[in-house]
Every structure is written in structure tokens, then in C-alpha cells.
Amino acid sequence: MNGFTALVAASAALQSAVCLPLAVGWLGSVPGLLFGLPLLVVAGAVFAATHHEDPTTILRATAHWIGWLGGILGAVLAVVILIGWLV
């Protein structure tokens, strides 16, 4: 086994031992995230497509809308989590 394959094997072992349980635990505590992110992308694309006709402009506007919607919804989520911790 050369150095590269040993590095790849060590990286895969670290990922499966540390990263995967953390990701599963985090996603398990926020199951709506799996549904919310695709909806955010679709909503951004629909908003952008209703305002523009050029595909490159639609892609740029989609990123813009995703930023706005994600920021607003993220702020609401942060407030809800903060209220949940305080109560």
C-alpha cells in the first residue's frame, strides 16, 4: 500500500467514525432541513424566473433570492430557537 492509498483509507475511516455520526445527529435534530433546503432553491428559482427571461440572469437572480429567503428564514429560525432555549 503506497502513501496515497493509506491517506485515502485513513480519511475514509475518520469520516465514517467522526463526521458521519455528527452529521446524522445534527440532521436528526433538524429533520425539516432536508425538506426546507430544496424548497428554498425552488422558491428562489421560481421568483427569479418570473422576473427574468435570460437563463444566466435567472441563475444569478436565483442565487440572490436564495440569499434573501435563506437570510429571512434563518433569522426566524434563530429567533424561534432562542425563544425555545429561554422558555
Protein backbone atom coordinates (compact mmCIF):
# COMPACT_ATOMS: atom_id res chain seq x y z
CA MET A 1 0.00 0.00 0.00
CA ASN A 2 1.50 3.32 -1.03
CA GLY A 3 1.16 6.60 0.86
CA PHE A 4 -1.78 7.87 -1.15
CA THR A 5 -3.96 4.81 -0.60
CA ALA A 6 -3.07 4.86 3.10
CA LEU A 7 -4.12 8.51 3.26
CA VAL A 8 -7.39 7.76 1.49
CA ALA A 9 -8.08 4.82 3.82
CA ALA A 10 -7.33 6.94 6.90
CA SER A 11 -9.54 9.75 5.60
CA ALA A 12 -12.42 7.35 4.95
CA ALA A 13 -12.04 5.83 8.42
CA LEU A 14 -12.05 9.29 10.02
CA GLN A 15 -15.07 10.34 8.01
CA SER A 16 -17.09 7.27 8.92
CA ALA A 17 -16.01 7.35 12.58
CA VAL A 18 -16.42 11.06 13.31
CA CYS A 19 -18.15 13.06 10.60
CA LEU A 20 -20.99 10.72 9.75
CA PRO A 21 -22.36 10.35 13.32
CA LEU A 22 -22.14 14.12 13.81
CA ALA A 23 -23.98 14.79 10.57
CA VAL A 24 -26.64 12.19 11.31
CA GLY A 25 -27.16 13.57 14.81
CA TRP A 26 -27.40 17.13 13.53
CA LEU A 27 -29.77 16.26 10.71
CA GLY A 28 -31.82 14.11 13.06
CA SER A 29 -32.39 17.10 15.31
CA VAL A 30 -33.47 19.28 12.38
CA PRO A 31 -35.47 17.00 10.04
CA GLY A 32 -37.14 19.92 8.31
CA LEU A 33 -33.78 20.94 6.90
CA LEU A 34 -33.95 18.06 4.42
CA PHE A 35 -37.22 19.43 3.08
CA GLY A 36 -36.52 23.12 3.59
CA LEU A 37 -33.36 23.47 1.50
CA PRO A 38 -34.83 22.10 -1.75
CA LEU A 39 -37.93 24.24 -1.23
CA LEU A 40 -35.72 27.28 -0.74
CA VAL A 41 -33.92 26.57 -4.02
CA VAL A 42 -37.18 26.02 -5.90
CA ALA A 43 -38.76 29.17 -4.46
CA GLY A 44 -35.69 31.19 -5.44
CA ALA A 45 -35.76 29.77 -8.96
CA VAL A 46 -39.49 30.50 -9.36
CA PHE A 47 -39.12 34.07 -8.10
CA ALA A 48 -36.16 34.64 -10.42
CA ALA A 49 -37.85 33.07 -13.44
CA THR A 50 -40.94 35.26 -13.01
CA HIS A 51 -38.79 38.39 -13.22
CA HIS A 52 -36.25 37.47 -15.93
CA GLU A 53 -36.09 35.61 -19.25
CA ASP A 54 -32.35 35.15 -19.87
CA PRO A 55 -31.05 31.85 -18.34
CA THR A 56 -27.84 33.38 -16.97
CA THR A 57 -29.79 36.23 -15.40
CA ILE A 58 -32.21 33.70 -13.91
CA LEU A 59 -29.31 31.79 -12.32
CA ARG A 60 -27.85 34.98 -10.84
CA ALA A 61 -31.25 36.11 -9.60
CA THR A 62 -31.89 32.64 -8.15
CA ALA A 63 -28.75 32.94 -6.04
CA HIS A 64 -29.87 36.41 -4.98
CA TRP A 65 -33.34 35.19 -3.97
CA ILE A 66 -31.91 32.17 -2.15
CA GLY A 67 -29.72 34.54 -0.15
CA TRP A 68 -32.65 36.75 0.78
CA LEU A 69 -35.06 33.95 1.58
CA GLY A 70 -32.40 31.96 3.44
CA GLY A 71 -31.45 35.02 5.46
CA ILE A 72 -35.01 35.85 6.42
CA LEU A 73 -35.95 32.26 7.23
CA GLY A 74 -32.63 31.73 9.04
CA ALA A 75 -33.31 34.79 11.21
CA VAL A 76 -36.79 33.50 12.03
CA LEU A 77 -35.31 30.09 12.89
CA ALA A 78 -32.70 31.71 15.13
CA VAL A 79 -35.40 33.64 16.98
CA VAL A 80 -37.51 30.51 17.43
CA ILE A 81 -34.51 28.54 18.73
CA LEU A 82 -33.59 31.38 21.10
CA ILE A 83 -37.14 31.56 22.44
CA GLY A 84 -37.12 27.78 22.87
CA TRP A 85 -33.93 27.97 24.93
CA LEU A 86 -35.29 30.79 27.11
CA VAL A 87 -38.61 29.13 27.86
